[in-house]
Amino acid sequence: MSHDLSLKETQKEYHGTLKSYLIGFIVSLVLTIVSFSLVASGILSGLNLVYTIVSLALTQAIVQLLFFLHLGQEEKPRWETFIFYFMVLILLIVVIGSLWIMSDLNERMMSNMGAAMSHD
């Protein structure tokens, strides 16, 4: 019991400062306003709009990971970074697997629809 660490000793040393939180907040706010403005004004349309919004969303995700979750700022071993990469791997497996299954089901269902339509 004498080796128990206090809460202050167990807290991580890489928590952000007020300046880093403000920078992250302002960058996230600007990215959100730009995304909203592009959609609301109709400056871009179609795939150009989709690609722009996706790139702004990925940029905002990176900003939030760096400024708010402090990913990659810990000392070695980087357990939080490993856990994040594992989470991304699991997420990709679930999403790609779901898309694959839905695509396969769509092919199987539509091939039967084509045969049923030709018998009329």
Protein backbone atom coordinates (compact mmCIF):
# COMPACT_ATOMS: atom_id res chain seq x y z
CA MET A 1 0.00 0.00 0.00
CA SER A 2 2.94 2.31 0.52
CA HIS A 3 3.57 2.37 -3.26
CA ASP A 4 0.20 3.91 -4.18
CA LEU A 5 0.60 7.00 -6.30
CA SER A 6 -1.40 10.10 -5.64
CA LEU A 7 -3.75 11.47 -8.26
CA LYS A 8 -1.37 14.31 -8.99
CA GLU A 9 1.51 11.88 -9.62
CA THR A 10 -0.54 9.71 -11.97
CA GLN A 11 -1.80 12.58 -14.12
CA LYS A 12 -0.19 12.82 -17.51
CA GLU A 13 2.31 15.58 -18.07
CA TYR A 14 1.36 16.31 -21.66
CA HIS A 15 -1.98 17.98 -21.06
CA GLY A 16 -2.40 20.98 -23.25
CA THR A 17 -2.12 24.57 -22.29
CA LEU A 18 -4.80 27.19 -22.68
CA LYS A 19 -2.99 28.42 -25.79
CA SER A 20 -3.07 24.98 -27.46
CA TYR A 21 -6.76 24.53 -26.60
CA LEU A 22 -7.59 27.94 -28.05
CA ILE A 23 -5.63 27.25 -31.23
CA GLY A 24 -7.40 23.90 -31.64
CA PHE A 25 -10.79 25.46 -30.97
CA ILE A 26 -10.26 28.32 -33.43
CA VAL A 27 -8.94 26.03 -36.18
CA SER A 28 -11.87 23.63 -35.66
CA LEU A 29 -14.32 26.51 -35.71
CA VAL A 30 -12.84 27.92 -38.93
CA LEU A 31 -12.96 24.49 -40.61
CA THR A 32 -16.59 24.05 -39.56
CA ILE A 33 -17.57 27.52 -40.82
CA VAL A 34 -15.80 26.93 -44.14
CA SER A 35 -17.56 23.58 -44.58
CA PHE A 36 -20.95 25.06 -43.76
CA SER A 37 -20.36 28.04 -46.05
CA LEU A 38 -19.41 25.83 -48.97
CA VAL A 39 -22.58 23.79 -48.63
CA ALA A 40 -24.90 26.72 -47.91
CA SER A 41 -23.61 29.02 -50.64
CA GLY A 42 -23.50 26.42 -53.40
CA ILE A 43 -20.08 27.55 -54.62
CA LEU A 44 -19.10 23.94 -55.22
CA SER A 45 -21.35 21.09 -56.26
CA GLY A 46 -21.16 17.40 -56.96
CA LEU A 47 -17.96 15.50 -56.38
CA ASN A 48 -15.90 18.66 -55.91
CA LEU A 49 -18.03 19.54 -52.89
CA VAL A 50 -17.83 16.01 -51.51
CA TYR A 51 -14.05 15.86 -51.86
CA THR A 52 -13.63 19.29 -50.28
CA ILE A 53 -15.92 18.48 -47.33
CA VAL A 54 -14.21 15.12 -46.74
CA SER A 55 -10.76 16.73 -46.79
CA LEU A 56 -11.91 19.45 -44.38
CA ALA A 57 -13.44 16.79 -42.10
CA LEU A 58 -10.21 14.75 -42.09
CA THR A 59 -8.24 17.90 -41.33
CA GLN A 60 -10.57 18.70 -38.45
CA ALA A 61 -10.27 15.14 -37.11
CA ILE A 62 -6.47 15.46 -37.11
CA VAL A 63 -6.67 18.87 -35.39
CA GLN A 64 -8.91 17.43 -32.67
CA LEU A 65 -6.69 14.38 -32.21
CA LEU A 66 -3.62 16.56 -31.77
CA PHE A 67 -4.96 19.53 -29.81
CA PHE A 68 -7.69 17.95 -27.65
CA LEU A 69 -6.81 14.26 -27.30
CA HIS A 70 -3.04 14.91 -27.29
CA LEU A 71 -2.40 11.88 -29.47
CA GLY A 72 1.28 11.26 -30.01
CA GLN A 73 2.45 13.54 -27.21
CA GLU A 74 3.06 10.85 -24.61
CA GLU A 75 6.40 9.41 -23.65
CA LYS A 76 7.38 5.93 -24.69
CA PRO A 77 5.78 3.42 -24.74
CA ARG A 78 3.04 5.09 -26.75
CA TRP A 79 0.12 2.97 -25.57
CA GLU A 80 -2.55 5.52 -26.43
CA THR A 81 -1.20 5.77 -29.97
CA PHE A 82 -1.18 1.98 -30.32
CA ILE A 83 -4.73 1.80 -29.02
CA PHE A 84 -5.81 4.50 -31.47
CA TYR A 85 -4.28 2.62 -34.42
CA PHE A 86 -5.93 -0.61 -33.25
CA MET A 87 -9.28 1.21 -33.05
CA VAL A 88 -8.81 2.52 -36.59
CA LEU A 89 -7.98 -1.01 -37.78
CA ILE A 90 -11.12 -2.45 -36.16
CA LEU A 91 -13.21 0.39 -37.57
CA LEU A 92 -11.85 -0.23 -41.08
CA ILE A 93 -12.54 -3.96 -40.79
CA VAL A 94 -16.13 -3.32 -39.74
CA VAL A 95 -16.82 -0.65 -42.37
CA ILE A 96 -15.12 -2.43 -45.28
CA GLY A 97 -16.66 -5.75 -44.28
CA SER A 98 -20.12 -4.19 -44.06
CA LEU A 99 -19.74 -2.54 -47.47
CA TRP A 100 -18.51 -5.81 -48.95
CA ILE A 101 -21.44 -7.76 -47.53
CA MET A 102 -23.99 -5.17 -48.66
CA SER A 103 -22.48 -5.05 -52.14
CA ASP A 104 -22.58 -8.84 -52.40
CA LEU A 105 -26.19 -8.93 -51.16
CA ASN A 106 -27.13 -6.24 -53.66
CA GLU A 107 -25.62 -8.27 -56.52
CA ARG A 108 -27.43 -11.41 -55.43
CA MET A 109 -30.76 -9.68 -54.98
CA MET A 110 -30.58 -7.70 -58.21
CA SER A 111 -29.65 -10.72 -60.30
CA ASN A 112 -32.89 -12.37 -59.15
CA MET A 113 -34.84 -9.21 -59.93
CA GLY A 114 -33.56 -9.20 -63.51
CA ALA A 115 -34.66 -12.80 -64.04
CA ALA A 116 -38.07 -12.08 -62.51
CA MET A 117 -38.59 -9.03 -64.72
CA SER A 118 -37.83 -10.95 -67.92
CA HIS A 119 -40.57 -13.52 -67.20
CA ASP A 120 -43.36 -10.90 -67.34
